[in-house]
C-alpha atoms as a PDB file:
ATOM      1  CA  MET A   1      75.659 -20.433  91.408  1.00  0.00           C
ATOM      2  CA  LYS A   2      73.361 -22.490  89.179  1.00  0.00           C
ATOM      3  CA  LYS A   3      74.817 -23.358  85.765  1.00  0.00           C
ATOM      4  CA  LYS A   4      72.952 -21.666  82.948  1.00  0.00           C
ATOM      5  CA  LYS A   5      71.485 -23.931  80.290  1.00  0.00           C
ATOM      6  CA  VAL A   6      72.599 -23.174  76.729  1.00  0.00           C
ATOM      7  CA  SER A   7      70.408 -23.558  73.646  1.00  0.00           C
ATOM      8  CA  ILE A   8      71.515 -23.295  70.015  1.00  0.00           C
ATOM      9  CA  VAL A   9      69.148 -21.970  67.359  1.00  0.00           C
ATOM     10  CA  GLY A  10      70.627 -22.995  64.006  1.00  0.00           C
ATOM     11  CA  VAL A  11      68.860 -21.642  60.936  1.00  0.00           C
ATOM     12  CA  CYS A  12      69.108 -23.164  57.481  1.00  0.00           C
ATOM     13  CA  LEU A  13      67.657 -22.957  53.992  1.00  0.00           C
ATOM     14  CA  ASN A  14      68.938 -25.319  51.292  1.00  0.00           C
ATOM     15  CA  GLU A  15      72.185 -25.959  53.176  1.00  0.00           C
ATOM     16  CA  ALA A  16      72.491 -29.694  52.502  1.00  0.00           C
ATOM     17  CA  LYS A  17      76.187 -29.320  51.643  1.00  0.00           C
ATOM     18  CA  SER A  18      77.117 -27.518  54.848  1.00  0.00           C
ATOM     19  CA  VAL A  19      74.564 -27.981  57.600  1.00  0.00           C
ATOM     20  CA  LEU A  20      75.995 -31.143  59.178  1.00  0.00           C
ATOM     21  CA  LYS A  21      79.554 -29.793  58.973  1.00  0.00           C
ATOM     22  CA  ILE A  22      78.403 -26.974  61.236  1.00  0.00           C
ATOM     23  CA  LEU A  23      76.074 -28.898  63.547  1.00  0.00           C
ATOM     24  CA  ASP A  24      78.495 -31.779  64.104  1.00  0.00           C
ATOM     25  CA  ASN A  25      81.220 -29.355  65.225  1.00  0.00           C
ATOM     26  CA  ILE A  26      79.147 -27.597  67.886  1.00  0.00           C
ATOM     27  CA  PRO A  27      80.846 -28.200  71.280  1.00  0.00           C
ATOM     28  CA  LYS A  28      78.192 -30.582  72.611  1.00  0.00           C
ATOM     29  CA  ASN A  29      79.749 -30.689  76.096  1.00  0.00           C
ATOM     30  CA  LEU A  30      78.871 -27.001  76.526  1.00  0.00           C
ATOM     31  CA  VAL A  31      75.386 -27.097  75.024  1.00  0.00           C
ATOM     32  CA  ASP A  32      72.162 -28.446  76.500  1.00  0.00           C
ATOM     33  CA  GLU A  33      69.910 -28.146  73.469  1.00  0.00           C
ATOM     34  CA  ILE A  34      70.208 -27.762  69.694  1.00  0.00           C
ATOM     35  CA  ILE A  35      67.184 -26.828  67.645  1.00  0.00           C
ATOM     36  CA  VAL A  36      67.448 -26.414  63.883  1.00  0.00           C
ATOM     37  CA  ILE A  37      64.986 -24.180  62.048  1.00  0.00           C
ATOM     38  CA  ASP A  38      64.481 -25.035  58.405  1.00  0.00           C
ATOM     39  CA  GLY A  39      63.117 -22.377  56.057  1.00  0.00           C
ATOM     40  CA  HIS A  40      61.219 -24.927  53.931  1.00  0.00           C
ATOM     41  CA  SER A  41      64.282 -26.164  52.037  1.00  0.00           C
ATOM     42  CA  THR A  42      63.802 -27.724  48.616  1.00  0.00           C
ATOM     43  CA  ASP A  43      66.975 -29.823  48.778  1.00  0.00           C
ATOM     44  CA  LYS A  44      67.787 -32.620  51.252  1.00  0.00           C
ATOM     45  CA  THR A  45      68.557 -30.321  54.212  1.00  0.00           C
ATOM     46  CA  PHE A  46      65.552 -31.310  56.330  1.00  0.00           C
ATOM     47  CA  GLU A  47      66.032 -35.045  55.812  1.00  0.00           C
ATOM     48  CA  LEU A  48      69.780 -34.913  56.476  1.00  0.00           C
ATOM     49  CA  VAL A  49      69.364 -33.023  59.739  1.00  0.00           C
ATOM     50  CA  LYS A  50      66.496 -35.197  60.941  1.00  0.00           C
ATOM     51  CA  ASN A  51      68.271 -38.461  60.056  1.00  0.00           C
ATOM     52  CA  ALA A  52      71.383 -37.242  61.905  1.00  0.00           C
ATOM     53  CA  GLY A  53      69.301 -37.076  65.074  1.00  0.00           C
ATOM     54  CA  TYR A  54      68.932 -33.327  65.463  1.00  0.00           C
ATOM     55  CA  ASN A  55      65.698 -31.636  66.453  1.00  0.00           C
ATOM     56  CA  ILE A  56      64.539 -29.795  63.334  1.00  0.00           C
ATOM     57  CA  VAL A  57      61.441 -27.621  62.991  1.00  0.00           C
ATOM     58  CA  LEU A  58      59.921 -25.909  59.954  1.00  0.00           C
ATOM     59  CA  GLN A  59      59.959 -22.151  60.426  1.00  0.00           C
ATOM     60  CA  GLU A  60      56.814 -20.061  60.559  1.00  0.00           C
ATOM     61  CA  GLY A  61      56.642 -17.687  57.593  1.00  0.00           C
ATOM     62  CA  LYS A  62      59.577 -16.722  55.408  1.00  0.00           C
ATOM     63  CA  GLY A  63      62.786 -14.810  56.027  1.00  0.00           C
ATOM     64  CA  ARG A  64      65.727 -14.809  58.418  1.00  0.00           C
ATOM     65  CA  GLY A  65      63.876 -12.971  61.148  1.00  0.00           C
ATOM     66  CA  ASN A  66      61.013 -15.434  61.149  1.00  0.00           C
ATOM     67  CA  ALA A  67      63.490 -18.310  61.327  1.00  0.00           C
ATOM     68  CA  PHE A  68      65.074 -17.016  64.516  1.00  0.00           C
ATOM     69  CA  LYS A  69      61.744 -16.013  66.046  1.00  0.00           C
ATOM     70  CA  THR A  70      60.498 -19.562  65.470  1.00  0.00           C
ATOM     71  CA  GLY A  71      63.594 -20.857  67.214  1.00  0.00           C
ATOM     72  CA  PHE A  72      63.283 -18.467  70.150  1.00  0.00           C
ATOM     73  CA  LYS A  73      59.745 -19.701  70.793  1.00  0.00           C
ATOM     74  CA  ASN A  74      60.901 -23.318  70.929  1.00  0.00           C
ATOM     75  CA  VAL A  75      64.036 -23.159  73.081  1.00  0.00           C
ATOM     76  CA  GLY A  76      64.264 -23.717  76.822  1.00  0.00           C
ATOM     77  CA  GLY A  77      67.774 -22.550  77.649  1.00  0.00           C
ATOM     78  CA  ASP A  78      68.821 -19.574  79.764  1.00  0.00           C
ATOM     79  CA  LEU A  79      71.342 -18.554  77.092  1.00  0.00           C
ATOM     80  CA  VAL A  80      70.516 -18.741  73.374  1.00  0.00           C
ATOM     81  CA  VAL A  81      73.116 -18.822  70.592  1.00  0.00           C
ATOM     82  CA  MET A  82      72.088 -17.589  67.146  1.00  0.00           C
ATOM     83  CA  LEU A  83      73.853 -19.677  64.489  1.00  0.00           C
ATOM     84  CA  SER A  84      73.739 -19.870  60.695  1.00  0.00           C
ATOM     85  CA  THR A  85      74.664 -23.147  58.993  1.00  0.00           C
ATOM     86  CA  ASP A  86      76.028 -21.897  55.663  1.00  0.00           C
ATOM     87  CA  GLY A  87      79.675 -22.115  56.714  1.00  0.00           C
ATOM     88  CA  ASN A  88      80.255 -18.458  57.598  1.00  0.00           C
ATOM     89  CA  GLU A  89      80.325 -18.996  61.345  1.00  0.00           C
ATOM     90  CA  ARG A  90      82.792 -21.068  63.338  1.00  0.00           C
ATOM     91  CA  PRO A  91      81.107 -23.419  65.836  1.00  0.00           C
ATOM     92  CA  GLY A  92      84.294 -23.403  67.899  1.00  0.00           C
ATOM     93  CA  ASP A  93      83.608 -19.769  68.810  1.00  0.00           C
ATOM     94  CA  ILE A  94      80.443 -20.818  70.639  1.00  0.00           C
ATOM     95  CA  LYS A  95      82.669 -21.593  73.620  1.00  0.00           C
ATOM     96  CA  ASN A  96      83.962 -18.008  73.628  1.00  0.00           C
ATOM     97  CA  LEU A  97      80.429 -16.612  73.381  1.00  0.00           C
ATOM     98  CA  ILE A  98      79.286 -18.722  76.329  1.00  0.00           C
ATOM     99  CA  ASN A  99      82.316 -17.807  78.443  1.00  0.00           C
ATOM    100  CA  GLU A 100      81.764 -14.107  77.834  1.00  0.00           C
ATOM    101  CA  ALA A 101      78.033 -14.325  78.524  1.00  0.00           C
ATOM    102  CA  ASN A 102      78.746 -16.084  81.807  1.00  0.00           C
ATOM    103  CA  LYS A 103      80.547 -12.949  82.975  1.00  0.00           C
ATOM    104  CA  GLY A 104      77.122 -11.383  83.360  1.00  0.00           C
ATOM    105  CA  TYR A 105      76.369 -10.034  79.880  1.00  0.00           C
ATOM    106  CA  ASP A 106      72.864 -10.070  78.423  1.00  0.00           C
ATOM    107  CA  MET A 107      74.165 -10.171  74.838  1.00  0.00           C
ATOM    108  CA  VAL A 108      77.527 -10.956  73.280  1.00  0.00           C
ATOM    109  CA  ILE A 109      78.159 -10.335  69.580  1.00  0.00           C
ATOM    110  CA  ALA A 110      80.863 -12.165  67.609  1.00  0.00           C
ATOM    111  CA  THR A 111      82.419  -9.241  65.741  1.00  0.00           C
ATOM    112  CA  ARG A 112      84.081  -9.529  62.343  1.00  0.00           C
ATOM    113  CA  PHE A 113      85.765  -6.159  62.744  1.00  0.00           C
ATOM    114  CA  GLY A 114      88.352  -4.749  65.150  1.00  0.00           C
ATOM    115  CA  LEU A 115      90.254  -7.849  66.264  1.00  0.00           C
ATOM    116  CA  GLY A 116      87.999 -10.044  64.119  1.00  0.00           C
ATOM    117  CA  ARG A 117      87.863 -10.290  60.341  1.00  0.00           C
ATOM    118  CA  SER A 118      85.751 -11.556  57.462  1.00  0.00           C
ATOM    119  CA  GLU A 119      86.830 -13.716  54.525  1.00  0.00           C
ATOM    120  CA  ASP A 120      83.400 -13.385  52.930  1.00  0.00           C
ATOM    121  CA  VAL A 121      82.162  -9.783  53.119  1.00  0.00           C
ATOM    122  CA  THR A 122      82.158  -7.826  49.847  1.00  0.00           C
ATOM    123  CA  PRO A 123      83.252  -4.153  49.683  1.00  0.00           C
ATOM    124  CA  ILE A 124      79.627  -2.998  49.374  1.00  0.00           C
ATOM    125  CA  ARG A 125      78.479  -5.133  52.298  1.00  0.00           C
ATOM    126  CA  ASN A 126      81.480  -3.938  54.298  1.00  0.00           C
ATOM    127  CA  ILE A 127      80.436  -0.310  53.793  1.00  0.00           C
ATOM    128  CA  GLY A 128      76.851  -1.198  54.642  1.00  0.00           C
ATOM    129  CA  ASN A 129      77.838  -3.025  57.817  1.00  0.00           C
ATOM    130  CA  HIS A 130      79.836  -0.063  59.112  1.00  0.00           C
ATOM    131  CA  PHE A 131      77.110   2.415  58.136  1.00  0.00           C
ATOM    132  CA  PHE A 132      74.344   0.466  59.848  1.00  0.00           C
ATOM    133  CA  THR A 133      76.513  -0.156  62.900  1.00  0.00           C
ATOM    134  CA  LYS A 134      77.031   3.592  63.314  1.00  0.00           C
ATOM    135  CA  LEU A 135      73.283   4.149  63.023  1.00  0.00           C
ATOM    136  CA  CYS A 136      72.520   1.369  65.509  1.00  0.00           C
ATOM    137  CA  ASN A 137      74.998   2.857  67.965  1.00  0.00           C
ATOM    138  CA  LEU A 138      73.421   6.297  67.599  1.00  0.00           C
ATOM    139  CA  ALA A 139      69.927   4.882  68.043  1.00  0.00           C
ATOM    140  CA  SER A 140      70.782   2.635  70.979  1.00  0.00           C
ATOM    141  CA  GLY A 141      73.559   4.347  72.903  1.00  0.00           C
ATOM    142  CA  LEU A 142      75.787   1.307  72.437  1.00  0.00           C
ATOM    143  CA  ASN A 143      79.327   1.261  71.075  1.00  0.00           C
ATOM    144  CA  VAL A 144      79.559  -2.043  69.210  1.00  0.00           C
ATOM    145  CA  THR A 145      81.657  -2.717  66.116  1.00  0.00           C
ATOM    146  CA  ASP A 146      79.408  -5.234  64.326  1.00  0.00           C
ATOM    147  CA  SER A 147      75.690  -4.681  64.828  1.00  0.00           C
ATOM    148  CA  MET A 148      74.827  -6.722  61.734  1.00  0.00           C
ATOM    149  CA  ASN A 149      76.454 -10.044  62.577  1.00  0.00           C
ATOM    150  CA  GLY A 150      73.877 -12.624  63.563  1.00  0.00           C
ATOM    151  CA  PHE A 151      76.392 -14.855  65.328  1.00  0.00           C
ATOM    152  CA  ARG A 152      75.685 -13.892  68.934  1.00  0.00           C
ATOM    153  CA  ILE A 153      74.362 -15.093  72.270  1.00  0.00           C
ATOM    154  CA  LEU A 154      71.539 -13.604  74.326  1.00  0.00           C
ATOM    155  CA  THR A 155      69.795 -14.435  77.541  1.00  0.00           C
ATOM    156  CA  LYS A 156      66.298 -15.829  77.077  1.00  0.00           C
ATOM    157  CA  GLU A 157      65.091 -13.104  79.416  1.00  0.00           C
ATOM    158  CA  ALA A 158      66.522 -10.419  77.104  1.00  0.00           C
ATOM    159  CA  ILE A 159      64.842 -11.977  74.062  1.00  0.00           C
ATOM    160  CA  GLU A 160      61.493 -12.020  75.822  1.00  0.00           C
ATOM    161  CA  LYS A 161      61.820  -8.339  76.757  1.00  0.00           C
ATOM    162  CA  MET A 162      62.454  -7.395  73.116  1.00  0.00           C
ATOM    163  CA  ASN A 163      59.164  -8.743  71.723  1.00  0.00           C
ATOM    164  CA  LEU A 164      60.834  -9.055  68.331  1.00  0.00           C
ATOM    165  CA  GLU A 165      58.973  -8.131  65.139  1.00  0.00           C
ATOM    166  CA  SER A 166      61.505  -8.364  62.280  1.00  0.00           C
ATOM    167  CA  ASN A 167      60.819 -10.972  59.613  1.00  0.00           C
ATOM    168  CA  LYS A 168      63.877 -10.532  57.406  1.00  0.00           C
ATOM    169  CA  PHE A 169      67.517  -9.394  57.555  1.00  0.00           C
ATOM    170  CA  ASP A 170      66.568  -6.551  59.906  1.00  0.00           C
ATOM    171  CA  ILE A 171      66.446  -8.934  62.884  1.00  0.00           C
ATOM    172  CA  GLU A 172      70.004  -8.127  64.010  1.00  0.00           C
ATOM    173  CA  ALA A 173      69.410  -4.372  63.817  1.00  0.00           C
ATOM    174  CA  GLU A 174      66.247  -4.691  65.894  1.00  0.00           C
ATOM    175  CA  ILE A 175      67.979  -6.829  68.509  1.00  0.00           C
ATOM    176  CA  THR A 176      70.952  -4.480  68.748  1.00  0.00           C
ATOM    177  CA  VAL A 177      68.962  -1.260  69.090  1.00  0.00           C
ATOM    178  CA  LYS A 178      66.531  -2.779  71.565  1.00  0.00           C
ATOM    179  CA  ALA A 179      69.422  -4.125  73.652  1.00  0.00           C
ATOM    180  CA  GLY A 180      70.717  -0.592  74.043  1.00  0.00           C
ATOM    181  CA  LYS A 181      67.299   0.906  74.715  1.00  0.00           C
ATOM    182  CA  LEU A 182      66.678  -1.737  77.379  1.00  0.00           C
ATOM    183  CA  LYS A 183      70.031  -0.858  79.016  1.00  0.00           C
ATOM    184  CA  LEU A 184      71.248  -4.431  78.682  1.00  0.00           C
ATOM    185  CA  LYS A 185      74.850  -5.377  79.322  1.00  0.00           C
ATOM    186  CA  VAL A 186      76.459  -5.954  75.910  1.00  0.00           C
ATOM    187  CA  SER A 187      79.903  -7.221  74.945  1.00  0.00           C
ATOM    188  CA  GLU A 188      81.741  -8.466  71.843  1.00  0.00           C
ATOM    189  CA  ILE A 189      84.292 -11.171  71.105  1.00  0.00           C
ATOM    190  CA  PRO A 190      86.381 -11.377  67.915  1.00  0.00           C
ATOM    191  CA  THR A 191      85.544 -13.981  65.298  1.00  0.00           C
ATOM    192  CA  ILE A 192      86.640 -14.906  61.794  1.00  0.00           C
ATOM    193  CA  GLU A 193      83.861 -15.136  59.240  1.00  0.00           C
ATOM    194  CA  ASP A 194      84.761 -17.825  56.720  1.00  0.00           C
ATOM    195  CA  GLU A 195      83.557 -18.074  53.149  1.00  0.00           C
ATOM    196  CA  ARG A 196      80.332 -19.971  52.674  1.00  0.00           C
ATOM    197  CA  TYR A 197      80.706 -23.595  51.686  1.00  0.00           C
ATOM    198  CA  HIS A 198      78.672 -23.430  48.516  1.00  0.00           C
ATOM    199  CA  SER A 199      76.381 -20.453  48.059  1.00  0.00           C
ATOM    200  CA  ASP A 200      76.246 -16.675  47.840  1.00  0.00           C
ATOM    201  CA  SER A 201      74.659 -14.498  50.491  1.00  0.00           C
ATOM    202  CA  ARG A 202      70.877 -14.236  50.246  1.00  0.00           C
ATOM    203  CA  LEU A 203      71.080 -10.617  51.383  1.00  0.00           C
ATOM    204  CA  HIS A 204      70.365  -8.126  48.589  1.00  0.00           C
ATOM    205  CA  ALA A 205      72.293  -4.938  49.319  1.00  0.00           C
ATOM    206  CA  LEU A 206      69.706  -2.436  48.056  1.00  0.00           C
ATOM    207  CA  LYS A 207      66.420  -4.155  48.882  1.00  0.00           C
ATOM    208  CA  ASP A 208      67.431  -5.500  52.279  1.00  0.00           C
ATOM    209  CA  GLY A 209      69.411  -2.358  53.028  1.00  0.00           C
ATOM    210  CA  LYS A 210      66.190  -0.333  52.790  1.00  0.00           C
ATOM    211  CA  ILE A 211      64.439  -2.755  55.144  1.00  0.00           C
ATOM    212  CA  ILE A 212      67.286  -2.539  57.669  1.00  0.00           C
ATOM    213  CA  LEU A 213      67.355   1.264  57.495  1.00  0.00           C
ATOM    214  CA  LYS A 214      63.600   1.480  58.082  1.00  0.00           C
ATOM    215  CA  ARG A 215      63.946  -0.865  61.048  1.00  0.00           C
ATOM    216  CA  ILE A 216      66.706   1.213  62.662  1.00  0.00           C
ATOM    217  CA  ILE A 217      64.692   4.420  62.244  1.00  0.00           C
ATOM    218  CA  LYS A 218      61.579   2.761  63.656  1.00  0.00           C
ATOM    219  CA  GLU A 219      63.400   1.437  66.707  1.00  0.00           C
ATOM    220  CA  ALA A 220      65.218   4.743  67.236  1.00  0.00           C
ATOM    221  CA  LEU A 221      61.845   6.431  67.694  1.00  0.00           C
ATOM    222  CA  ARG A 222      60.455   3.826  70.102  1.00  0.00           C
ATOM    223  CA  LYS A 223      60.930   3.383  73.820  1.00  0.00           C
ATOM    224  CA  PRO A 224      60.621   0.275  75.982  1.00  0.00           C
ATOM    225  CA  PRO A 225      58.733  -1.574  77.250  1.00  0.00           C
ATOM    226  CA  TYR A 226      58.139  -3.479  74.035  1.00  0.00           C
END
């Protein structure tokens, strides 16, 4: 059986204090390609990443969704890992994501709940995560525990089938619901979400919560193909 190529899409915005700590700890022996998407940082993020020898690209548009969509268009791997570089996500868990995906799954989510845990989520965000996960499960027919965590791996084929539209923090909800609607094979592995190295979350509970809710409702009413 031919070995699947693995690409990393690492997104960053003003993460000069953390980005190399994350990128340098990616298990390079398991990864074929690393592409970093910069959201037009105003600090030294872009220069640091470029000078360290990583492939870095300026994202198209603004927002988390646009960052990942830019990355998806530029990768060549069979499996694509979604990674943030703010310190929340543990690069060592990439190995576990890859191993689980190689069992034949189209998407594997690193869950912070169940056997996993978060050192960073606030009580309000915790309630929101569980609420949106229940809605995503209802809309998609899945039974995941963490629909909102962006730390996950997907096949390139699955990404292409989704024809993603989300520009902001609704990207994970769109991916999750569409995965269920497309009848993809989905699994989860436990992870520990660490505290960010230096900054607060850019997610605004009320404003972004409304965007995520609208996205889930929209996708619940749609049917593939996309």
